Amino acid sequence: MASYLFLDPDSVPEQWADRVIPMVMVPLTAAESAQVLSNEPVKPDTVTRDADLMRLIAQGLSAEVIARRLGLAPRSVYRRLARLREAFGVASTAELATELAGRGFGASELNGGPQDRPASGRT
């Protein structure tokens, strides 16, 4: 029986480098966690194309800024925000941003410059 040790990729000793197995950590929603624990097939609550959108929401950016960043019409962003609010069971985009940030979506290389200010109104 093999044992496994989780290390930061930069901390792997040279003598083990040829046996490294790349891994990815994925934050799960409560529903996804329940599916995993019940041995049911896991169906993600959100689609992959929403990953960038969720990161930008978690950073507190306005729908207009998100639309510019993703090359979408603002109306498309508003529709996707509504769908995500429903999926996460929250009433406002601010609540959605808090939920997503708590799940680790806010930390990203997508941080904007001075022209991208946090949302201060309706999103």
PDB file of N, CA and C in Angstrom:
ATOM      1  N   MET A   1       0.842  -1.174   0.000  1.00  0.00           N
ATOM      2  CA  MET A   1       0.000   0.000   0.000  1.00  0.00           C
ATOM      3  C   MET A   1       0.889   1.240   0.000  1.00  0.00           C
ATOM      4  N   ALA A   2       0.618   2.156  -0.911  1.00  0.00           N
ATOM      5  CA  ALA A   2       1.403   3.378  -1.018  1.00  0.00           C
ATOM      6  C   ALA A   2       0.880   4.437  -0.067  1.00  0.00           C
ATOM      7  N   SER A   3       1.770   5.295   0.363  1.00  0.00           N
ATOM      8  CA  SER A   3       1.405   6.459   1.151  1.00  0.00           C
ATOM      9  C   SER A   3       1.645   7.688   0.289  1.00  0.00           C
ATOM     10  N   TYR A   4       0.925   8.751   0.581  1.00  0.00           N
ATOM     11  CA  TYR A   4       1.077   9.979  -0.180  1.00  0.00           C
ATOM     12  C   TYR A   4       1.359  11.132   0.761  1.00  0.00           C
ATOM     13  N   LEU A   5       2.174  12.051   0.293  1.00  0.00           N
ATOM     14  CA  LEU A   5       2.524  13.237   1.052  1.00  0.00           C
ATOM     15  C   LEU A   5       2.202  14.447   0.186  1.00  0.00           C
ATOM     16  N   PHE A   6       1.433  15.378   0.715  1.00  0.00           N
ATOM     17  CA  PHE A   6       1.081  16.594  -0.019  1.00  0.00           C
ATOM     18  C   PHE A   6       2.109  17.668   0.303  1.00  0.00           C
ATOM     19  N   LEU A   7       2.777  18.151  -0.745  1.00  0.00           N
ATOM     20  CA  LEU A   7       3.807  19.171  -0.593  1.00  0.00           C
ATOM     21  C   LEU A   7       3.581  20.297  -1.585  1.00  0.00           C
ATOM     22  N   ASP A   8       4.109  21.444  -1.249  1.00  0.00           N
ATOM     23  CA  ASP A   8       4.169  22.534  -2.207  1.00  0.00           C
ATOM     24  C   ASP A   8       5.088  22.062  -3.335  1.00  0.00           C
ATOM     25  N   PRO A   9       4.731  22.313  -4.604  1.00  0.00           N
ATOM     26  CA  PRO A   9       5.557  21.824  -5.715  1.00  0.00           C
ATOM     27  C   PRO A   9       7.031  22.227  -5.612  1.00  0.00           C
ATOM     28  N   ASP A  10       7.316  23.379  -5.041  1.00  0.00           N
ATOM     29  CA  ASP A  10       8.700  23.828  -4.908  1.00  0.00           C
ATOM     30  C   ASP A  10       9.443  23.147  -3.765  1.00  0.00           C
ATOM     31  N   SER A  11       8.733  22.371  -2.949  1.00  0.00           N
ATOM     32  CA  SER A  11       9.344  21.740  -1.781  1.00  0.00           C
ATOM     33  C   SER A  11       9.645  20.261  -1.983  1.00  0.00           C
ATOM     34  N   VAL A  12       9.398  19.729  -3.169  1.00  0.00           N
ATOM     35  CA  VAL A  12       9.613  18.302  -3.415  1.00  0.00           C
ATOM     36  C   VAL A  12      11.109  18.022  -3.482  1.00  0.00           C
ATOM     37  N   PRO A  13      11.606  17.104  -2.636  1.00  0.00           N
ATOM     38  CA  PRO A  13      13.030  16.760  -2.695  1.00  0.00           C
ATOM     39  C   PRO A  13      13.394  16.161  -4.062  1.00  0.00           C
ATOM     40  N   GLU A  14      14.598  16.448  -4.509  1.00  0.00           N
ATOM     41  CA  GLU A  14      15.046  16.008  -5.835  1.00  0.00           C
ATOM     42  C   GLU A  14      14.911  14.496  -6.024  1.00  0.00           C
ATOM     43  N   GLN A  15      15.168  13.707  -4.989  1.00  0.00           N
ATOM     44  CA  GLN A  15      15.108  12.247  -5.130  1.00  0.00           C
ATOM     45  C   GLN A  15      13.684  11.737  -5.373  1.00  0.00           C
ATOM     46  N   TRP A  16      12.666  12.577  -5.151  1.00  0.00           N
ATOM     47  CA  TRP A  16      11.275  12.181  -5.387  1.00  0.00           C
ATOM     48  C   TRP A  16      10.693  12.812  -6.646  1.00  0.00           C
ATOM     49  N   ALA A  17      11.426  13.702  -7.285  1.00  0.00           N
ATOM     50  CA  ALA A  17      10.910  14.487  -8.401  1.00  0.00           C
ATOM     51  C   ALA A  17      10.332  13.628  -9.526  1.00  0.00           C
ATOM     52  N   ASP A  18      10.892  12.462  -9.776  1.00  0.00           N
ATOM     53  CA  ASP A  18      10.406  11.611 -10.866  1.00  0.00           C
ATOM     54  C   ASP A  18       9.109  10.883 -10.518  1.00  0.00           C
ATOM     55  N   ARG A  19       8.688  10.959  -9.251  1.00  0.00           N
ATOM     56  CA  ARG A  19       7.452  10.281  -8.836  1.00  0.00           C
ATOM     57  C   ARG A  19       6.312  11.241  -8.533  1.00  0.00           C
ATOM     58  N   VAL A  20       6.496  12.520  -8.789  1.00  0.00           N
ATOM     59  CA  VAL A  20       5.478  13.524  -8.490  1.00  0.00           C
ATOM     60  C   VAL A  20       4.240  13.289  -9.346  1.00  0.00           C
ATOM     61  N   ILE A  21       3.087  13.361  -8.718  1.00  0.00           N
ATOM     62  CA  ILE A  21       1.801  13.253  -9.410  1.00  0.00           C
ATOM     63  C   ILE A  21       1.143  14.633  -9.320  1.00  0.00           C
ATOM     64  N   PRO A  22       0.998  15.311 -10.459  1.00  0.00           N
ATOM     65  CA  PRO A  22       0.353  16.633 -10.406  1.00  0.00           C
ATOM     66  C   PRO A  22      -1.086  16.506  -9.895  1.00  0.00           C
ATOM     67  N   MET A  23      -1.474  17.440  -9.034  1.00  0.00           N
ATOM     68  CA  MET A  23      -2.823  17.413  -8.476  1.00  0.00           C
ATOM     69  C   MET A  23      -3.414  18.803  -8.544  1.00  0.00           C
ATOM     70  N   VAL A  24      -4.721  18.862  -8.509  1.00  0.00           N
ATOM     71  CA  VAL A  24      -5.445  20.123  -8.521  1.00  0.00           C
ATOM     72  C   VAL A  24      -6.445  20.104  -7.377  1.00  0.00           C
ATOM     73  N   MET A  25      -6.543  21.223  -6.658  1.00  0.00           N
ATOM     74  CA  MET A  25      -7.546  21.349  -5.603  1.00  0.00           C
ATOM     75  C   MET A  25      -8.712  22.153  -6.156  1.00  0.00           C
ATOM     76  N   VAL A  26      -9.912  21.657  -5.940  1.00  0.00           N
ATOM     77  CA  VAL A  26     -11.111  22.310  -6.452  1.00  0.00           C
ATOM     78  C   VAL A  26     -12.054  22.585  -5.291  1.00  0.00           C
ATOM     79  N   PRO A  27     -12.435  23.858  -5.077  1.00  0.00           N
ATOM     80  CA  PRO A  27     -13.421  24.132  -4.022  1.00  0.00           C
ATOM     81  C   PRO A  27     -14.789  23.619  -4.469  1.00  0.00           C
ATOM     82  N   LEU A  28     -15.465  22.890  -3.600  1.00  0.00           N
ATOM     83  CA  LEU A  28     -16.772  22.320  -3.914  1.00  0.00           C
ATOM     84  C   LEU A  28     -17.887  23.053  -3.181  1.00  0.00           C
ATOM     85  N   THR A  29     -19.044  23.108  -3.821  1.00  0.00           N
ATOM     86  CA  THR A  29     -20.221  23.628  -3.141  1.00  0.00           C
ATOM     87  C   THR A  29     -20.707  22.561  -2.165  1.00  0.00           C
ATOM     88  N   ALA A  30     -21.612  22.927  -1.283  1.00  0.00           N
ATOM     89  CA  ALA A  30     -22.164  21.956  -0.331  1.00  0.00           C
ATOM     90  C   ALA A  30     -22.838  20.801  -1.066  1.00  0.00           C
ATOM     91  N   ALA A  31     -23.569  21.113  -2.141  1.00  0.00           N
ATOM     92  CA  ALA A  31     -24.254  20.062  -2.900  1.00  0.00           C
ATOM     93  C   ALA A  31     -23.249  19.119  -3.554  1.00  0.00           C
ATOM     94  N   GLU A  32     -22.163  19.666  -4.093  1.00  0.00           N
ATOM     95  CA  GLU A  32     -21.137  18.824  -4.712  1.00  0.00           C
ATOM     96  C   GLU A  32     -20.468  17.934  -3.674  1.00  0.00           C
ATOM     97  N   SER A  33     -20.183  18.500  -2.497  1.00  0.00           N
ATOM     98  CA  SER A  33     -19.576  17.714  -1.420  1.00  0.00           C
ATOM     99  C   SER A  33     -20.484  16.552  -1.025  1.00  0.00           C
ATOM    100  N   ALA A  34     -21.774  16.818  -0.919  1.00  0.00           N
ATOM    101  CA  ALA A  34     -22.729  15.760  -0.565  1.00  0.00           C
ATOM    102  C   ALA A  34     -22.738  14.664  -1.622  1.00  0.00           C
ATOM    103  N   GLN A  35     -22.653  15.056  -2.890  1.00  0.00           N
ATOM    104  CA  GLN A  35     -22.616  14.066  -3.960  1.00  0.00           C
ATOM    105  C   GLN A  35     -21.365  13.201  -3.857  1.00  0.00           C
ATOM    106  N   VAL A  36     -20.224  13.817  -3.591  1.00  0.00           N
ATOM    107  CA  VAL A  36     -18.973  13.066  -3.472  1.00  0.00           C
ATOM    108  C   VAL A  36     -19.068  12.074  -2.327  1.00  0.00           C
ATOM    109  N   LEU A  37     -19.570  12.538  -1.184  1.00  0.00           N
ATOM    110  CA  LEU A  37     -19.662  11.665  -0.006  1.00  0.00           C
ATOM    111  C   LEU A  37     -20.683  10.549  -0.175  1.00  0.00           C
ATOM    112  N   SER A  38     -21.667  10.738  -1.050  1.00  0.00           N
ATOM    113  CA  SER A  38     -22.675   9.699  -1.257  1.00  0.00           C
ATOM    114  C   SER A  38     -22.326   8.781  -2.419  1.00  0.00           C
ATOM    115  N   ASN A  39     -21.149   8.974  -3.009  1.00  0.00           N
ATOM    116  CA  ASN A  39     -20.675   8.183  -4.151  1.00  0.00           C
ATOM    117  C   ASN A  39     -21.527   8.354  -5.400  1.00  0.00           C
ATOM    118  N   GLU A  40     -22.312   9.439  -5.475  1.00  0.00           N
ATOM    119  CA  GLU A  40     -23.078   9.741  -6.682  1.00  0.00           C
ATOM    120  C   GLU A  40     -22.149  10.430  -7.679  1.00  0.00           C
ATOM    121  N   PRO A  41     -22.464  10.355  -8.972  1.00  0.00           N
ATOM    122  CA  PRO A  41     -21.666  11.113  -9.939  1.00  0.00           C
ATOM    123  C   PRO A  41     -21.772  12.603  -9.634  1.00  0.00           C
ATOM    124  N   VAL A  42     -20.658  13.300  -9.713  1.00  0.00           N
ATOM    125  CA  VAL A  42     -20.627  14.718  -9.373  1.00  0.00           C
ATOM    126  C   VAL A  42     -20.949  15.552 -10.600  1.00  0.00           C
ATOM    127  N   LYS A  43     -21.954  16.400 -10.454  1.00  0.00           N
ATOM    128  CA  LYS A  43     -22.328  17.357 -11.492  1.00  0.00           C
ATOM    129  C   LYS A  43     -22.020  18.748 -10.940  1.00  0.00           C
ATOM    130  N   PRO A  44     -21.060  19.470 -11.541  1.00  0.00           N
ATOM    131  CA  PRO A  44     -20.723  20.797 -11.013  1.00  0.00           C
ATOM    132  C   PRO A  44     -21.942  21.713 -10.999  1.00  0.00           C
ATOM    133  N   ASP A  45     -22.002  22.594  -9.993  1.00  0.00           N
ATOM    134  CA  ASP A  45     -23.093  23.555  -9.892  1.00  0.00           C
ATOM    135  C   ASP A  45     -22.951  24.682 -10.912  1.00  0.00           C
ATOM    136  N   THR A  46     -21.754  24.910 -11.387  1.00  0.00           N
ATOM    137  CA  THR A  46     -21.517  25.968 -12.359  1.00  0.00           C
ATOM    138  C   THR A  46     -20.699  25.412 -13.507  1.00  0.00           C
ATOM    139  N   VAL A  47     -20.761  26.099 -14.633  1.00  0.00           N
ATOM    140  CA  VAL A  47     -20.012  25.646 -15.803  1.00  0.00           C
ATOM    141  C   VAL A  47     -18.651  26.314 -15.833  1.00  0.00           C
ATOM    142  N   THR A  48     -17.721  25.677 -16.521  1.00  0.00           N
ATOM    143  CA  THR A  48     -16.355  26.174 -16.585  1.00  0.00           C
ATOM    144  C   THR A  48     -16.275  27.590 -17.122  1.00  0.00           C
ATOM    145  N   ARG A  49     -17.133  27.942 -18.076  1.00  0.00           N
ATOM    146  CA  ARG A  49     -17.049  29.289 -18.653  1.00  0.00           C
ATOM    147  C   ARG A  49     -17.382  30.365 -17.637  1.00  0.00           C
ATOM    148  N   ASP A  50     -17.955  29.990 -16.511  1.00  0.00           N
ATOM    149  CA  ASP A  50     -18.259  30.967 -15.467  1.00  0.00           C
ATOM    150  C   ASP A  50     -17.099  31.185 -14.496  1.00  0.00           C
ATOM    151  N   ALA A  51     -16.016  30.434 -14.631  1.00  0.00           N
ATOM    152  CA  ALA A  51     -14.913  30.555 -13.675  1.00  0.00           C
ATOM    153  C   ALA A  51     -14.334  31.968 -13.651  1.00  0.00           C
ATOM    154  N   ASP A  52     -14.041  32.552 -14.825  1.00  0.00           N
ATOM    155  CA  ASP A  52     -13.505  33.915 -14.859  1.00  0.00           C
ATOM    156  C   ASP A  52     -14.529  34.909 -14.319  1.00  0.00           C
ATOM    157  N   LEU A  53     -15.786  34.719 -14.680  1.00  0.00           N
ATOM    158  CA  LEU A  53     -16.853  35.586 -14.185  1.00  0.00           C
ATOM    159  C   LEU A  53     -16.910  35.531 -12.658  1.00  0.00           C
ATOM    160  N   MET A  54     -16.842  34.340 -12.083  1.00  0.00           N
ATOM    161  CA  MET A  54     -16.923  34.201 -10.629  1.00  0.00           C
ATOM    162  C   MET A  54     -15.728  34.846  -9.941  1.00  0.00           C
ATOM    163  N   ARG A  55     -14.531  34.751 -10.537  1.00  0.00           N
ATOM    164  CA  ARG A  55     -13.366  35.407  -9.954  1.00  0.00           C
ATOM    165  C   ARG A  55     -13.551  36.926  -9.924  1.00  0.00           C
ATOM    166  N   LEU A  56     -14.075  37.473 -11.019  1.00  0.00           N
ATOM    167  CA  LEU A  56     -14.267  38.917 -11.093  1.00  0.00           C
ATOM    168  C   LEU A  56     -15.373  39.387 -10.147  1.00  0.00           C
ATOM    169  N   ILE A  57     -16.432  38.607 -10.013  1.00  0.00           N
ATOM    170  CA  ILE A  57     -17.500  38.935  -9.057  1.00  0.00           C
ATOM    171  C   ILE A  57     -16.922  38.951  -7.646  1.00  0.00           C
ATOM    172  N   ALA A  58     -16.135  37.930  -7.311  1.00  0.00           N
ATOM    173  CA  ALA A  58     -15.555  37.827  -5.970  1.00  0.00           C
ATOM    174  C   ALA A  58     -14.628  38.995  -5.657  1.00  0.00           C
ATOM    175  N   GLN A  59     -14.063  39.596  -6.694  1.00  0.00           N
ATOM    176  CA  GLN A  59     -13.194  40.757  -6.492  1.00  0.00           C
ATOM    177  C   GLN A  59     -14.009  42.034  -6.298  1.00  0.00           C
ATOM    178  N   GLY A  60     -15.341  41.953  -6.437  1.00  0.00           N
ATOM    179  CA  GLY A  60     -16.205  43.093  -6.198  1.00  0.00           C
ATOM    180  C   GLY A  60     -16.336  44.050  -7.368  1.00  0.00           C
ATOM    181  N   LEU A  61     -16.000  43.595  -8.573  1.00  0.00           N
ATOM    182  CA  LEU A  61     -16.093  44.467  -9.742  1.00  0.00           C
ATOM    183  C   LEU A  61     -17.541  44.621 -10.194  1.00  0.00           C
ATOM    184  N   SER A  62     -17.835  45.749 -10.819  1.00  0.00           N
ATOM    185  CA  SER A  62     -19.190  46.008 -11.312  1.00  0.00           C
ATOM    186  C   SER A  62     -19.466  45.169 -12.557  1.00  0.00           C
ATOM    187  N   ALA A  63     -20.744  45.013 -12.883  1.00  0.00           N
ATOM    188  CA  ALA A  63     -21.139  44.251 -14.072  1.00  0.00           C
ATOM    189  C   ALA A  63     -20.560  44.884 -15.332  1.00  0.00           C
ATOM    190  N   GLU A  64     -20.497  46.202 -15.364  1.00  0.00           N
ATOM    191  CA  GLU A  64     -19.950  46.886 -16.544  1.00  0.00           C
ATOM    192  C   GLU A  64     -18.470  46.583 -16.726  1.00  0.00           C
ATOM    193  N   VAL A  65     -17.713  46.611 -15.639  1.00  0.00           N
ATOM    194  CA  VAL A  65     -16.278  46.303 -15.706  1.00  0.00           C
ATOM    195  C   VAL A  65     -16.081  44.841 -16.098  1.00  0.00           C
ATOM    196  N   ILE A  66     -16.878  43.953 -15.502  1.00  0.00           N
ATOM    197  CA  ILE A  66     -16.793  42.529 -15.838  1.00  0.00           C
ATOM    198  C   ILE A  66     -17.086  42.327 -17.324  1.00  0.00           C
ATOM    199  N   ALA A  67     -18.102  43.004 -17.828  1.00  0.00           N
ATOM    200  CA  ALA A  67     -18.452  42.883 -19.249  1.00  0.00           C
ATOM    201  C   ALA A  67     -17.270  43.299 -20.121  1.00  0.00           C
ATOM    202  N   ARG A  68     -16.633  44.429 -19.791  1.00  0.00           N
ATOM    203  CA  ARG A  68     -15.463  44.876 -20.568  1.00  0.00           C
ATOM    204  C   ARG A  68     -14.340  43.856 -20.509  1.00  0.00           C
ATOM    205  N   ARG A  69     -14.068  43.345 -19.306  1.00  0.00           N
ATOM    206  CA  ARG A  69     -12.971  42.386 -19.129  1.00  0.00           C
ATOM    207  C   ARG A  69     -13.195  41.104 -19.926  1.00  0.00           C
ATOM    208  N   LEU A  70     -14.454  40.639 -19.956  1.00  0.00           N
ATOM    209  CA  LEU A  70     -14.752  39.361 -20.604  1.00  0.00           C
ATOM    210  C   LEU A  70     -15.207  39.523 -22.051  1.00  0.00           C
ATOM    211  N   GLY A  71     -15.319  40.763 -22.516  1.00  0.00           N
ATOM    212  CA  GLY A  71     -15.760  40.997 -23.886  1.00  0.00           C
ATOM    213  C   GLY A  71     -17.208  40.614 -24.111  1.00  0.00           C
ATOM    214  N   LEU A  72     -18.047  40.857 -23.091  1.00  0.00           N
ATOM    215  CA  LEU A  72     -19.466  40.518 -23.163  1.00  0.00           C
ATOM    216  C   LEU A  72     -20.308  41.784 -23.106  1.00  0.00           C
ATOM    217  N   ALA A  73     -21.540  41.666 -23.526  1.00  0.00           N
ATOM    218  CA  ALA A  73     -22.494  42.761 -23.346  1.00  0.00           C
ATOM    219  C   ALA A  73     -22.871  42.823 -21.870  1.00  0.00           C
ATOM    220  N   PRO A  74     -23.052  44.019 -21.311  1.00  0.00           N
ATOM    221  CA  PRO A  74     -23.455  44.115 -19.908  1.00  0.00           C
ATOM    222  C   PRO A  74     -24.709  43.294 -19.603  1.00  0.00           C
ATOM    223  N   ARG A  75     -25.667  43.280 -20.531  1.00  0.00           N
ATOM    224  CA  ARG A  75     -26.896  42.508 -20.306  1.00  0.00           C
ATOM    225  C   ARG A  75     -26.590  41.019 -20.127  1.00  0.00           C
ATOM    226  N   SER A  76     -25.628  40.496 -20.865  1.00  0.00           N
ATOM    227  CA  SER A  76     -25.225  39.089 -20.713  1.00  0.00           C
ATOM    228  C   SER A  76     -24.672  38.838 -19.318  1.00  0.00           C
ATOM    229  N   VAL A  77     -23.883  39.785 -18.824  1.00  0.00           N
ATOM    230  CA  VAL A  77     -23.326  39.647 -17.475  1.00  0.00           C
ATOM    231  C   VAL A  77     -24.447  39.674 -16.441  1.00  0.00           C
ATOM    232  N   TYR A  78     -25.414  40.589 -16.599  1.00  0.00           N
ATOM    233  CA  TYR A  78     -26.542  40.642 -15.659  1.00  0.00           C
ATOM    234  C   TYR A  78     -27.313  39.321 -15.643  1.00  0.00           C
ATOM    235  N   ARG A  79     -27.523  38.726 -16.816  1.00  0.00           N
ATOM    236  CA  ARG A  79     -28.235  37.435 -16.872  1.00  0.00           C
ATOM    237  C   ARG A  79     -27.439  36.336 -16.174  1.00  0.00           C
ATOM    238  N   ARG A  80     -26.139  36.312 -16.414  1.00  0.00           N
ATOM    239  CA  ARG A  80     -25.309  35.290 -15.772  1.00  0.00           C
ATOM    240  C   ARG A  80     -25.239  35.510 -14.262  1.00  0.00           C
ATOM    241  N   LEU A  81     -25.206  36.783 -13.836  1.00  0.00           N
ATOM    242  CA  LEU A  81     -25.235  37.081 -12.398  1.00  0.00           C
ATOM    243  C   LEU A  81     -26.517  36.545 -11.766  1.00  0.00           C
ATOM    244  N   ALA A  82     -27.646  36.763 -12.433  1.00  0.00           N
ATOM    245  CA  ALA A  82     -28.932  36.279 -11.904  1.00  0.00           C
ATOM    246  C   ALA A  82     -28.918  34.762 -11.771  1.00  0.00           C
ATOM    247  N   ARG A  83     -28.390  34.087 -12.777  1.00  0.00           N
ATOM    248  CA  ARG A  83     -28.323  32.618 -12.734  1.00  0.00           C
ATOM    249  C   ARG A  83     -27.421  32.143 -11.600  1.00  0.00           C
ATOM    250  N   LEU A  84     -26.275  32.810 -11.413  1.00  0.00           N
ATOM    251  CA  LEU A  84     -25.362  32.435 -10.332  1.00  0.00           C
ATOM    252  C   LEU A  84     -25.952  32.742  -8.954  1.00  0.00           C
ATOM    253  N   ARG A  85     -26.654  33.881  -8.819  1.00  0.00           N
ATOM    254  CA  ARG A  85     -27.308  34.178  -7.528  1.00  0.00           C
ATOM    255  C   ARG A  85     -28.298  33.077  -7.174  1.00  0.00           C
ATOM    256  N   GLU A  86     -29.055  32.631  -8.164  1.00  0.00           N
ATOM    257  CA  GLU A  86     -30.016  31.549  -7.930  1.00  0.00           C
ATOM    258  C   GLU A  86     -29.302  30.248  -7.578  1.00  0.00           C
ATOM    259  N   ALA A  87     -28.247  29.922  -8.306  1.00  0.00           N
ATOM    260  CA  ALA A  87     -27.513  28.675  -8.060  1.00  0.00           C
ATOM    261  C   ALA A  87     -26.902  28.639  -6.664  1.00  0.00           C
ATOM    262  N   PHE A  88     -26.445  29.801  -6.172  1.00  0.00           N
ATOM    263  CA  PHE A  88     -25.811  29.855  -4.860  1.00  0.00           C
ATOM    264  C   PHE A  88     -26.790  30.234  -3.751  1.00  0.00           C
ATOM    265  N   GLY A  89     -28.050  30.479  -4.105  1.00  0.00           N
ATOM    266  CA  GLY A  89     -29.069  30.761  -3.108  1.00  0.00           C
ATOM    267  C   GLY A  89     -28.869  32.067  -2.369  1.00  0.00           C
ATOM    268  N   VAL A  90     -28.426  33.101  -3.087  1.00  0.00           N
ATOM    269  CA  VAL A  90     -28.232  34.412  -2.469  1.00  0.00           C
ATOM    270  C   VAL A  90     -29.132  35.429  -3.165  1.00  0.00           C
ATOM    271  N   ALA A  91     -29.426  36.514  -2.465  1.00  0.00           N
ATOM    272  CA  ALA A  91     -30.372  37.505  -2.990  1.00  0.00           C
ATOM    273  C   ALA A  91     -29.710  38.643  -3.753  1.00  0.00           C
ATOM    274  N   SER A  92     -28.449  38.917  -3.464  1.00  0.00           N
ATOM    275  CA  SER A  92     -27.805  40.069  -4.100  1.00  0.00           C
ATOM    276  C   SER A  92     -26.444  39.687  -4.657  1.00  0.00           C
ATOM    277  N   THR A  93     -25.945  40.541  -5.533  1.00  0.00           N
ATOM    278  CA  THR A  93     -24.617  40.318  -6.093  1.00  0.00           C
ATOM    279  C   THR A  93     -23.550  40.497  -5.013  1.00  0.00           C
ATOM    280  N   ALA A  94     -23.795  41.390  -4.059  1.00  0.00           N
ATOM    281  CA  ALA A  94     -22.843  41.556  -2.947  1.00  0.00           C
ATOM    282  C   ALA A  94     -22.734  40.258  -2.144  1.00  0.00           C
ATOM    283  N   GLU A  95     -23.874  39.615  -1.876  1.00  0.00           N
ATOM    284  CA  GLU A  95     -23.850  38.329  -1.168  1.00  0.00           C
ATOM    285  C   GLU A  95     -23.129  37.276  -2.002  1.00  0.00           C
ATOM    286  N   LEU A  96     -23.365  37.294  -3.310  1.00  0.00           N
ATOM    287  CA  LEU A  96     -22.701  36.350  -4.204  1.00  0.00           C
ATOM    288  C   LEU A  96     -21.194  36.561  -4.168  1.00  0.00           C
ATOM    289  N   ALA A  97     -20.761  37.829  -4.197  1.00  0.00           N
ATOM    290  CA  ALA A  97     -19.330  38.141  -4.150  1.00  0.00           C
ATOM    291  C   ALA A  97     -18.707  37.608  -2.863  1.00  0.00           C
ATOM    292  N   THR A  98     -19.396  37.801  -1.748  1.00  0.00           N
ATOM    293  CA  THR A  98     -18.904  37.308  -0.461  1.00  0.00           C
ATOM    294  C   THR A  98     -18.805  35.790  -0.462  1.00  0.00           C
ATOM    295  N   GLU A  99     -19.835  35.127  -0.973  1.00  0.00           N
ATOM    296  CA  GLU A  99     -19.851  33.661  -1.049  1.00  0.00           C
ATOM    297  C   GLU A  99     -18.697  33.148  -1.909  1.00  0.00           C
ATOM    298  N   LEU A 100     -18.516  33.750  -3.072  1.00  0.00           N
ATOM    299  CA  LEU A 100     -17.464  33.299  -3.986  1.00  0.00           C
ATOM    300  C   LEU A 100     -16.074  33.581  -3.427  1.00  0.00           C
ATOM    301  N   ALA A 101     -15.895  34.737  -2.802  1.00  0.00           N
ATOM    302  CA  ALA A 101     -14.603  35.056  -2.193  1.00  0.00           C
ATOM    303  C   ALA A 101     -14.278  34.047  -1.094  1.00  0.00           C
ATOM    304  N   GLY A 102     -15.300  33.655  -0.322  1.00  0.00           N
ATOM    305  CA  GLY A 102     -15.109  32.657   0.720  1.00  0.00           C
ATOM    306  C   GLY A 102     -14.731  31.295   0.185  1.00  0.00           C
ATOM    307  N   ARG A 103     -15.058  31.044  -1.065  1.00  0.00           N
ATOM    308  CA  ARG A 103     -14.706  29.771  -1.713  1.00  0.00           C
ATOM    309  C   ARG A 103     -13.393  29.859  -2.480  1.00  0.00           C
ATOM    310  N   GLY A 104     -12.713  30.991  -2.368  1.00  0.00           N
ATOM    311  CA  GLY A 104     -11.399  31.128  -2.978  1.00  0.00           C
ATOM    312  C   GLY A 104     -11.376  31.663  -4.391  1.00  0.00           C
ATOM    313  N   PHE A 105     -12.495  32.189  -4.880  1.00  0.00           N
ATOM    314  CA  PHE A 105     -12.517  32.687  -6.250  1.00  0.00           C
ATOM    315  C   PHE A 105     -11.897  34.069  -6.410  1.00  0.00           C
ATOM    316  N   GLY A 106     -11.756  34.845  -5.349  1.00  0.00           N
ATOM    317  CA  GLY A 106     -11.289  36.220  -5.477  1.00  0.00           C
ATOM    318  C   GLY A 106      -9.819  36.371  -5.794  1.00  0.00           C
ATOM    319  N   ALA A 107      -8.975  35.471  -5.300  1.00  0.00           N
ATOM    320  CA  ALA A 107      -7.540  35.565  -5.552  1.00  0.00           C
ATOM    321  C   ALA A 107      -7.258  35.112  -6.967  1.00  0.00           C
ATOM    322  N   SER A 108      -6.722  36.024  -7.775  1.00  0.00           N
ATOM    323  CA  SER A 108      -6.529  35.694  -9.180  1.00  0.00           C
ATOM    324  C   SER A 108      -5.565  36.635  -9.840  1.00  0.00           C
ATOM    325  N   GLU A 109      -5.035  36.193 -10.959  1.00  0.00           N
ATOM    326  CA  GLU A 109      -4.194  37.045 -11.780  1.00  0.00           C
ATOM    327  C   GLU A 109      -5.042  38.025 -12.572  1.00  0.00           C
ATOM    328  N   LEU A 110      -6.370  37.965 -12.429  1.00  0.00           N
ATOM    329  CA  LEU A 110      -7.249  38.833 -13.179  1.00  0.00           C
ATOM    330  C   LEU A 110      -7.435  40.198 -12.516  1.00  0.00           C
ATOM    331  N   ASN A 111      -6.711  40.496 -11.436  1.00  0.00           N
ATOM    332  CA  ASN A 111      -6.867  41.792 -10.772  1.00  0.00           C
ATOM    333  C   ASN A 111      -6.634  42.913 -11.766  1.00  0.00           C
ATOM    334  N   GLY A 112      -7.477  43.930 -11.681  1.00  0.00           N
ATOM    335  CA  GLY A 112      -7.427  44.996 -12.671  1.00  0.00           C
ATOM    336  C   GLY A 112      -6.613  46.185 -12.228  1.00  0.00           C
ATOM    337  N   GLY A 113      -6.572  47.146 -13.103  1.00  0.00           N
ATOM    338  CA  GLY A 113      -5.849  48.368 -12.837  1.00  0.00           C
ATOM    339  C   GLY A 113      -6.762  49.407 -12.234  1.00  0.00           C
ATOM    340  N   PRO A 114      -6.314  50.650 -12.200  1.00  0.00           N
ATOM    341  CA  PRO A 114      -7.081  51.713 -11.554  1.00  0.00           C
ATOM    342  C   PRO A 114      -8.419  51.990 -12.221  1.00  0.00           C
ATOM    343  N   GLN A 115      -8.578  51.647 -13.496  1.00  0.00           N
ATOM    344  CA  GLN A 115      -9.850  51.895 -14.167  1.00  0.00           C
ATOM    345  C   GLN A 115     -10.934  50.923 -13.700  1.00  0.00           C
ATOM    346  N   ASP A 116     -10.558  49.853 -13.023  1.00  0.00           N
ATOM    347  CA  ASP A 116     -11.509  48.845 -12.573  1.00  0.00           C
ATOM    348  C   ASP A 116     -11.729  49.012 -11.079  1.00  0.00           C
ATOM    349  N   ARG A 117     -12.808  49.692 -10.741  1.00  0.00           N
ATOM    350  CA  ARG A 117     -13.104  49.945  -9.330  1.00  0.00           C
ATOM    351  C   ARG A 117     -14.152  48.960  -8.842  1.00  0.00           C
ATOM    352  N   PRO A 118     -14.135  48.631  -7.540  1.00  0.00           N
ATOM    353  CA  PRO A 118     -15.184  47.764  -6.994  1.00  0.00           C
ATOM    354  C   PRO A 118     -16.559  48.364  -7.244  1.00  0.00           C
ATOM    355  N   ALA A 119     -17.539  47.483  -7.317  1.00  0.00           N
ATOM    356  CA  ALA A 119     -18.921  47.914  -7.556  1.00  0.00           C
ATOM    357  C   ALA A 119     -19.397  48.771  -6.403  1.00  0.00           C
ATOM    358  N   SER A 120     -20.117  49.832  -6.734  1.00  0.00           N
ATOM    359  CA  SER A 120     -20.674  50.681  -5.680  1.00  0.00           C
ATOM    360  C   SER A 120     -22.166  50.871  -5.867  1.00  0.00           C
ATOM    361  N   GLY A 121     -22.715  50.207  -6.828  1.00  0.00           N
ATOM    362  CA  GLY A 121     -24.145  50.330  -7.076  1.00  0.00           C
ATOM    363  C   GLY A 121     -24.743  49.000  -7.466  1.00  0.00           C
ATOM    364  N   ARG A 122     -25.782  49.055  -8.250  1.00  0.00           N
ATOM    365  CA  ARG A 122     -26.467  47.847  -8.690  1.00  0.00           C
ATOM    366  C   ARG A 122     -25.590  47.049  -9.640  1.00  0.00           C
ATOM    367  N   THR A 123     -25.517  45.716  -9.412  1.00  0.00           N
ATOM    368  CA  THR A 123     -24.815  44.827 -10.341  1.00  0.00           C
ATOM    369  C   THR A 123     -25.663  43.636 -10.639  1.00  0.00           C
TER     370      THR A 123
END
